[in-house]
Amino acid sequence: MSQLHCYVPDEVAALFRQKAKHAHLSVSKYLAKLIKNELSSQWPEGYFELFGSWEGEPLERPDQGIYEKREELE
């Protein structure tokens, strides 16, 4: 497993330690979790193949009623 080193201001480190403690994780595990989440923010496999695959009743938007008329911005 690789090790990464970085430098942050003391106040950032203190806040980070608090967040890790609140998550019941070590600082190292908390940082690894954040990095993994950041790097895996891609669409799940097969996500776009789901479009148009709804098999239930047609979705209908209910009547939106009459909207109030507002003054225009100048």
PDB file of N, CA and C in Angstrom:
ATOM      1  N   MET A   1       0.848  -1.170   0.000  1.00  0.00           N
ATOM      2  CA  MET A   1       0.000   0.000   0.000  1.00  0.00           C
ATOM      3  C   MET A   1       0.897   1.238   0.000  1.00  0.00           C
ATOM      4  N   SER A   2       0.536   2.214  -0.799  1.00  0.00           N
ATOM      5  CA  SER A   2       1.331   3.441  -0.913  1.00  0.00           C
ATOM      6  C   SER A   2       1.076   4.383   0.251  1.00  0.00           C
ATOM      7  N   GLN A   3       2.077   5.192   0.531  1.00  0.00           N
ATOM      8  CA  GLN A   3       1.932   6.253   1.518  1.00  0.00           C
ATOM      9  C   GLN A   3       2.037   7.583   0.799  1.00  0.00           C
ATOM     10  N   LEU A   4       1.179   8.518   1.204  1.00  0.00           N
ATOM     11  CA  LEU A   4       1.218   9.876   0.663  1.00  0.00           C
ATOM     12  C   LEU A   4       1.476  10.828   1.818  1.00  0.00           C
ATOM     13  N   HIS A   5       2.235  11.860   1.554  1.00  0.00           N
ATOM     14  CA  HIS A   5       2.538  12.855   2.582  1.00  0.00           C
ATOM     15  C   HIS A   5       2.087  14.216   2.063  1.00  0.00           C
ATOM     16  N   CYS A   6       1.500  15.011   2.960  1.00  0.00           N
ATOM     17  CA  CYS A   6       1.109  16.366   2.577  1.00  0.00           C
ATOM     18  C   CYS A   6       1.229  17.274   3.800  1.00  0.00           C
ATOM     19  N   TYR A   7       1.268  18.536   3.539  1.00  0.00           N
ATOM     20  CA  TYR A   7       1.381  19.527   4.597  1.00  0.00           C
ATOM     21  C   TYR A   7       0.150  20.425   4.556  1.00  0.00           C
ATOM     22  N   VAL A   8      -0.450  20.640   5.718  1.00  0.00           N
ATOM     23  CA  VAL A   8      -1.608  21.524   5.839  1.00  0.00           C
ATOM     24  C   VAL A   8      -1.395  22.425   7.048  1.00  0.00           C
ATOM     25  N   PRO A   9      -2.052  23.573   7.071  1.00  0.00           N
ATOM     26  CA  PRO A   9      -1.945  24.444   8.249  1.00  0.00           C
ATOM     27  C   PRO A   9      -2.446  23.721   9.504  1.00  0.00           C
ATOM     28  N   ASP A  10      -1.909  24.114  10.648  1.00  0.00           N
ATOM     29  CA  ASP A  10      -2.258  23.463  11.914  1.00  0.00           C
ATOM     30  C   ASP A  10      -3.760  23.481  12.180  1.00  0.00           C
ATOM     31  N   GLU A  11      -4.419  24.602  11.877  1.00  0.00           N
ATOM     32  CA  GLU A  11      -5.860  24.679  12.148  1.00  0.00           C
ATOM     33  C   GLU A  11      -6.656  23.724  11.253  1.00  0.00           C
ATOM     34  N   VAL A  12      -6.193  23.500  10.035  1.00  0.00           N
ATOM     35  CA  VAL A  12      -6.844  22.541   9.137  1.00  0.00           C
ATOM     36  C   VAL A  12      -6.645  21.126   9.675  1.00  0.00           C
ATOM     37  N   ALA A  13      -5.442  20.832  10.138  1.00  0.00           N
ATOM     38  CA  ALA A  13      -5.151  19.507  10.702  1.00  0.00           C
ATOM     39  C   ALA A  13      -6.016  19.236  11.928  1.00  0.00           C
ATOM     40  N   ALA A  14      -6.193  20.254  12.768  1.00  0.00           N
ATOM     41  CA  ALA A  14      -7.011  20.080  13.970  1.00  0.00           C
ATOM     42  C   ALA A  14      -8.465  19.781  13.599  1.00  0.00           C
ATOM     43  N   LEU A  15      -8.994  20.526  12.646  1.00  0.00           N
ATOM     44  CA  LEU A  15     -10.373  20.270  12.198  1.00  0.00           C
ATOM     45  C   LEU A  15     -10.500  18.893  11.569  1.00  0.00           C
ATOM     46  N   PHE A  16      -9.492  18.491  10.814  1.00  0.00           N
ATOM     47  CA  PHE A  16      -9.502  17.188  10.166  1.00  0.00           C
ATOM     48  C   PHE A  16      -9.499  16.067  11.206  1.00  0.00           C
ATOM     49  N   ARG A  17      -8.672  16.227  12.245  1.00  0.00           N
ATOM     50  CA  ARG A  17      -8.631  15.223  13.309  1.00  0.00           C
ATOM     51  C   ARG A  17      -9.984  15.102  14.003  1.00  0.00           C
ATOM     52  N   GLN A  18     -10.654  16.247  14.207  1.00  0.00           N
ATOM     53  CA  GLN A  18     -11.986  16.234  14.823  1.00  0.00           C
ATOM     54  C   GLN A  18     -12.980  15.468  13.957  1.00  0.00           C
ATOM     55  N   LYS A  19     -12.943  15.725  12.650  1.00  0.00           N
ATOM     56  CA  LYS A  19     -13.855  15.033  11.729  1.00  0.00           C
ATOM     57  C   LYS A  19     -13.583  13.531  11.735  1.00  0.00           C
ATOM     58  N   ALA A  20     -12.320  13.145  11.717  1.00  0.00           N
ATOM     59  CA  ALA A  20     -11.959  11.726  11.737  1.00  0.00           C
ATOM     60  C   ALA A  20     -12.455  11.073  13.031  1.00  0.00           C
ATOM     61  N   LYS A  21     -12.265  11.766  14.146  1.00  0.00           N
ATOM     62  CA  LYS A  21     -12.709  11.236  15.434  1.00  0.00           C
ATOM     63  C   LYS A  21     -14.229  11.076  15.449  1.00  0.00           C
ATOM     64  N   HIS A  22     -14.933  12.061  14.918  1.00  0.00           N
ATOM     65  CA  HIS A  22     -16.405  12.017  14.848  1.00  0.00           C
ATOM     66  C   HIS A  22     -16.876  10.842  13.983  1.00  0.00           C
ATOM     67  N   ALA A  23     -16.102  10.502  12.964  1.00  0.00           N
ATOM     68  CA  ALA A  23     -16.434   9.378  12.077  1.00  0.00           C
ATOM     69  C   ALA A  23     -15.941   8.046  12.644  1.00  0.00           C
ATOM     70  N   HIS A  24     -15.320   8.074  13.837  1.00  0.00           N
ATOM     71  CA  HIS A  24     -14.777   6.879  14.483  1.00  0.00           C
ATOM     72  C   HIS A  24     -13.742   6.187  13.595  1.00  0.00           C
ATOM     73  N   LEU A  25     -12.901   6.990  12.938  1.00  0.00           N
ATOM     74  CA  LEU A  25     -11.839   6.485  12.076  1.00  0.00           C
ATOM     75  C   LEU A  25     -10.521   7.134  12.457  1.00  0.00           C
ATOM     76  N   SER A  26      -9.436   6.443  12.153  1.00  0.00           N
ATOM     77  CA  SER A  26      -8.133   7.070  12.322  1.00  0.00           C
ATOM     78  C   SER A  26      -8.001   8.162  11.261  1.00  0.00           C
ATOM     79  N   VAL A  27      -7.072   9.074  11.476  1.00  0.00           N
ATOM     80  CA  VAL A  27      -6.848  10.144  10.509  1.00  0.00           C
ATOM     81  C   VAL A  27      -6.480   9.539   9.149  1.00  0.00           C
ATOM     82  N   SER A  28      -5.653   8.506   9.166  1.00  0.00           N
ATOM     83  CA  SER A  28      -5.225   7.872   7.920  1.00  0.00           C
ATOM     84  C   SER A  28      -6.402   7.237   7.173  1.00  0.00           C
ATOM     85  N   LYS A  29      -7.239   6.494   7.904  1.00  0.00           N
ATOM     86  CA  LYS A  29      -8.393   5.847   7.262  1.00  0.00           C
ATOM     87  C   LYS A  29      -9.406   6.877   6.776  1.00  0.00           C
ATOM     88  N   TYR A  30      -9.590   7.940   7.536  1.00  0.00           N
ATOM     89  CA  TYR A  30     -10.530   8.988   7.132  1.00  0.00           C
ATOM     90  C   TYR A  30     -10.049   9.670   5.848  1.00  0.00           C
ATOM     91  N   LEU A  31      -8.764   9.961   5.784  1.00  0.00           N
ATOM     92  CA  LEU A  31      -8.206  10.585   4.584  1.00  0.00           C
ATOM     93  C   LEU A  31      -8.320   9.635   3.391  1.00  0.00           C
ATOM     94  N   ALA A  32      -8.030   8.357   3.592  1.00  0.00           N
ATOM     95  CA  ALA A  32      -8.142   7.372   2.506  1.00  0.00           C
ATOM     96  C   ALA A  32      -9.578   7.293   2.003  1.00  0.00           C
ATOM     97  N   LYS A  33     -10.538   7.355   2.929  1.00  0.00           N
ATOM     98  CA  LYS A  33     -11.955   7.310   2.549  1.00  0.00           C
ATOM     99  C   LYS A  33     -12.329   8.535   1.709  1.00  0.00           C
ATOM    100  N   LEU A  34     -11.883   9.714   2.127  1.00  0.00           N
ATOM    101  CA  LEU A  34     -12.176  10.937   1.369  1.00  0.00           C
ATOM    102  C   LEU A  34     -11.569  10.892  -0.029  1.00  0.00           C
ATOM    103  N   ILE A  35     -10.340  10.429  -0.125  1.00  0.00           N
ATOM    104  CA  ILE A  35      -9.670  10.337  -1.425  1.00  0.00           C
ATOM    105  C   ILE A  35     -10.401   9.346  -2.322  1.00  0.00           C
ATOM    106  N   LYS A  36     -10.756   8.194  -1.776  1.00  0.00           N
ATOM    107  CA  LYS A  36     -11.469   7.172  -2.560  1.00  0.00           C
ATOM    108  C   LYS A  36     -12.802   7.716  -3.065  1.00  0.00           C
ATOM    109  N   ASN A  37     -13.545   8.405  -2.202  1.00  0.00           N
ATOM    110  CA  ASN A  37     -14.830   8.988  -2.611  1.00  0.00           C
ATOM    111  C   ASN A  37     -14.642  10.023  -3.715  1.00  0.00           C
ATOM    112  N   GLU A  38     -13.610  10.821  -3.599  1.00  0.00           N
ATOM    113  CA  GLU A  38     -13.351  11.865  -4.590  1.00  0.00           C
ATOM    114  C   GLU A  38     -12.989  11.261  -5.944  1.00  0.00           C
ATOM    115  N   LEU A  39     -12.222  10.203  -5.940  1.00  0.00           N
ATOM    116  CA  LEU A  39     -11.759   9.610  -7.186  1.00  0.00           C
ATOM    117  C   LEU A  39     -12.787   8.686  -7.829  1.00  0.00           C
ATOM    118  N   SER A  40     -13.750   8.210  -7.065  1.00  0.00           N
ATOM    119  CA  SER A  40     -14.733   7.288  -7.621  1.00  0.00           C
ATOM    120  C   SER A  40     -16.060   7.960  -7.910  1.00  0.00           C
ATOM    121  N   SER A  41     -16.054   9.252  -8.154  1.00  0.00           N
ATOM    122  CA  SER A  41     -17.304   9.964  -8.415  1.00  0.00           C
ATOM    123  C   SER A  41     -17.693   9.863  -9.891  1.00  0.00           C
ATOM    124  N   GLN A  42     -17.644   8.660 -10.420  1.00  0.00           N
ATOM    125  CA  GLN A  42     -18.051   8.424 -11.798  1.00  0.00           C
ATOM    126  C   GLN A  42     -19.413   7.747 -11.787  1.00  0.00           C
ATOM    127  N   TRP A  43     -20.052   7.720 -12.941  1.00  0.00           N
ATOM    128  CA  TRP A  43     -21.346   7.062 -13.050  1.00  0.00           C
ATOM    129  C   TRP A  43     -21.160   5.560 -12.900  1.00  0.00           C
ATOM    130  N   PRO A  44     -22.069   4.882 -12.210  1.00  0.00           N
ATOM    131  CA  PRO A  44     -21.958   3.427 -12.059  1.00  0.00           C
ATOM    132  C   PRO A  44     -22.039   2.719 -13.417  1.00  0.00           C
ATOM    133  N   GLU A  45     -21.448   1.558 -13.485  1.00  0.00           N
ATOM    134  CA  GLU A  45     -21.470   0.739 -14.693  1.00  0.00           C
ATOM    135  C   GLU A  45     -22.917   0.511 -15.137  1.00  0.00           C
ATOM    136  N   GLY A  46     -23.220   0.757 -16.411  1.00  0.00           N
ATOM    137  CA  GLY A  46     -24.546   0.520 -16.971  1.00  0.00           C
ATOM    138  C   GLY A  46     -25.582   1.582 -16.632  1.00  0.00           C
ATOM    139  N   TYR A  47     -25.170   2.677 -15.993  1.00  0.00           N
ATOM    140  CA  TYR A  47     -26.114   3.716 -15.560  1.00  0.00           C
ATOM    141  C   TYR A  47     -26.930   4.280 -16.718  1.00  0.00           C
ATOM    142  N   PHE A  48     -26.265   4.619 -17.810  1.00  0.00           N
ATOM    143  CA  PHE A  48     -26.958   5.277 -18.907  1.00  0.00           C
ATOM    144  C   PHE A  48     -27.836   4.314 -19.712  1.00  0.00           C
ATOM    145  N   GLU A  49     -27.631   3.016 -19.570  1.00  0.00           N
ATOM    146  CA  GLU A  49     -28.478   2.045 -20.245  1.00  0.00           C
ATOM    147  C   GLU A  49     -29.862   1.984 -19.608  1.00  0.00           C
ATOM    148  N   LEU A  50     -30.026   2.553 -18.429  1.00  0.00           N
ATOM    149  CA  LEU A  50     -31.320   2.530 -17.745  1.00  0.00           C
ATOM    150  C   LEU A  50     -32.308   3.551 -18.299  1.00  0.00           C
ATOM    151  N   PHE A  51     -31.820   4.560 -18.994  1.00  0.00           N
ATOM    152  CA  PHE A  51     -32.712   5.587 -19.517  1.00  0.00           C
ATOM    153  C   PHE A  51     -33.717   4.965 -20.482  1.00  0.00           C
ATOM    154  N   GLY A  52     -35.004   5.307 -20.280  1.00  0.00           N
ATOM    155  CA  GLY A  52     -36.058   4.789 -21.136  1.00  0.00           C
ATOM    156  C   GLY A  52     -36.504   3.387 -20.767  1.00  0.00           C
ATOM    157  N   SER A  53     -36.024   2.858 -19.649  1.00  0.00           N
ATOM    158  CA  SER A  53     -36.372   1.486 -19.296  1.00  0.00           C
ATOM    159  C   SER A  53     -37.523   1.394 -18.286  1.00  0.00           C
ATOM    160  N   TRP A  54     -38.174   2.507 -17.985  1.00  0.00           N
ATOM    161  CA  TRP A  54     -39.299   2.502 -17.044  1.00  0.00           C
ATOM    162  C   TRP A  54     -40.412   1.640 -17.596  1.00  0.00           C
ATOM    163  N   GLU A  55     -40.894   0.693 -16.780  1.00  0.00           N
ATOM    164  CA  GLU A  55     -41.918  -0.228 -17.229  1.00  0.00           C
ATOM    165  C   GLU A  55     -43.249  -0.028 -16.521  1.00  0.00           C
ATOM    166  N   GLY A  56     -43.359   0.971 -15.672  1.00  0.00           N
ATOM    167  CA  GLY A  56     -44.601   1.230 -14.957  1.00  0.00           C
ATOM    168  C   GLY A  56     -45.545   2.071 -15.805  1.00  0.00           C
ATOM    169  N   GLU A  57     -46.570   2.590 -15.151  1.00  0.00           N
ATOM    170  CA  GLU A  57     -47.524   3.454 -15.851  1.00  0.00           C
ATOM    171  C   GLU A  57     -46.816   4.732 -16.269  1.00  0.00           C
ATOM    172  N   PRO A  58     -47.320   5.371 -17.342  1.00  0.00           N
ATOM    173  CA  PRO A  58     -46.680   6.616 -17.795  1.00  0.00           C
ATOM    174  C   PRO A  58     -46.681   7.667 -16.684  1.00  0.00           C
ATOM    175  N   LEU A  59     -45.592   8.380 -16.589  1.00  0.00           N
ATOM    176  CA  LEU A  59     -45.493   9.444 -15.598  1.00  0.00           C
ATOM    177  C   LEU A  59     -46.208  10.673 -16.133  1.00  0.00           C
ATOM    178  N   GLU A  60     -47.044  11.262 -15.298  1.00  0.00           N
ATOM    179  CA  GLU A  60     -47.778  12.451 -15.714  1.00  0.00           C
ATOM    180  C   GLU A  60     -47.542  13.558 -14.703  1.00  0.00           C
ATOM    181  N   ARG A  61     -47.306  14.746 -15.220  1.00  0.00           N
ATOM    182  CA  ARG A  61     -47.123  15.893 -14.344  1.00  0.00           C
ATOM    183  C   ARG A  61     -48.483  16.476 -14.019  1.00  0.00           C
ATOM    184  N   PRO A  62     -48.798  16.634 -12.745  1.00  0.00           N
ATOM    185  CA  PRO A  62     -50.102  17.201 -12.383  1.00  0.00           C
ATOM    186  C   PRO A  62     -50.200  18.660 -12.810  1.00  0.00           C
ATOM    187  N   ASP A  63     -51.438  19.145 -12.905  1.00  0.00           N
ATOM    188  CA  ASP A  63     -51.683  20.534 -13.274  1.00  0.00           C
ATOM    189  C   ASP A  63     -50.957  21.446 -12.294  1.00  0.00           C
ATOM    190  N   GLN A  64     -50.261  22.454 -12.814  1.00  0.00           N
ATOM    191  CA  GLN A  64     -49.455  23.338 -11.980  1.00  0.00           C
ATOM    192  C   GLN A  64     -50.230  24.555 -11.473  1.00  0.00           C
ATOM    193  N   GLY A  65     -51.467  24.702 -11.895  1.00  0.00           N
ATOM    194  CA  GLY A  65     -52.275  25.815 -11.426  1.00  0.00           C
ATOM    195  C   GLY A  65     -51.862  27.124 -12.079  1.00  0.00           C
ATOM    196  N   ILE A  66     -52.387  28.208 -11.556  1.00  0.00           N
ATOM    197  CA  ILE A  66     -52.097  29.531 -12.109  1.00  0.00           C
ATOM    198  C   ILE A  66     -50.995  30.171 -11.261  1.00  0.00           C
ATOM    199  N   TYR A  67     -49.970  30.634 -11.924  1.00  0.00           N
ATOM    200  CA  TYR A  67     -48.865  31.265 -11.219  1.00  0.00           C
ATOM    201  C   TYR A  67     -49.179  32.734 -10.959  1.00  0.00           C
ATOM    202  N   GLU A  68     -48.693  33.223  -9.847  1.00  0.00           N
ATOM    203  CA  GLU A  68     -48.883  34.641  -9.525  1.00  0.00           C
ATOM    204  C   GLU A  68     -48.047  35.497 -10.457  1.00  0.00           C
ATOM    205  N   LYS A  69     -48.535  36.665 -10.745  1.00  0.00           N
ATOM    206  CA  LYS A  69     -47.793  37.591 -11.588  1.00  0.00           C
ATOM    207  C   LYS A  69     -46.976  38.503 -10.680  1.00  0.00           C
ATOM    208  N   ARG A  70     -45.677  38.553 -10.918  1.00  0.00           N
ATOM    209  CA  ARG A  70     -44.785  39.361 -10.085  1.00  0.00           C
ATOM    210  C   ARG A  70     -44.329  40.584 -10.851  1.00  0.00           C
ATOM    211  N   GLU A  71     -43.917  41.574 -10.082  1.00  0.00           N
ATOM    212  CA  GLU A  71     -43.365  42.775 -10.702  1.00  0.00           C
ATOM    213  C   GLU A  71     -42.035  42.429 -11.351  1.00  0.00           C
ATOM    214  N   GLU A  72     -41.740  43.067 -12.466  1.00  0.00           N
ATOM    215  CA  GLU A  72     -40.483  42.811 -13.136  1.00  0.00           C
ATOM    216  C   GLU A  72     -39.348  43.554 -12.458  1.00  0.00           C
ATOM    217  N   LEU A  73     -38.156  42.975 -12.485  1.00  0.00           N
ATOM    218  CA  LEU A  73     -36.985  43.629 -11.921  1.00  0.00           C
ATOM    219  C   LEU A  73     -36.515  44.730 -12.874  1.00  0.00           C
ATOM    220  N   GLU A  74     -36.004  45.756 -12.320  1.00  0.00           N
ATOM    221  CA  GLU A  74     -35.510  46.849 -13.161  1.00  0.00           C
ATOM    222  C   GLU A  74     -34.012  46.819 -13.267  1.00  0.00           C
TER     223      GLU A  74
END
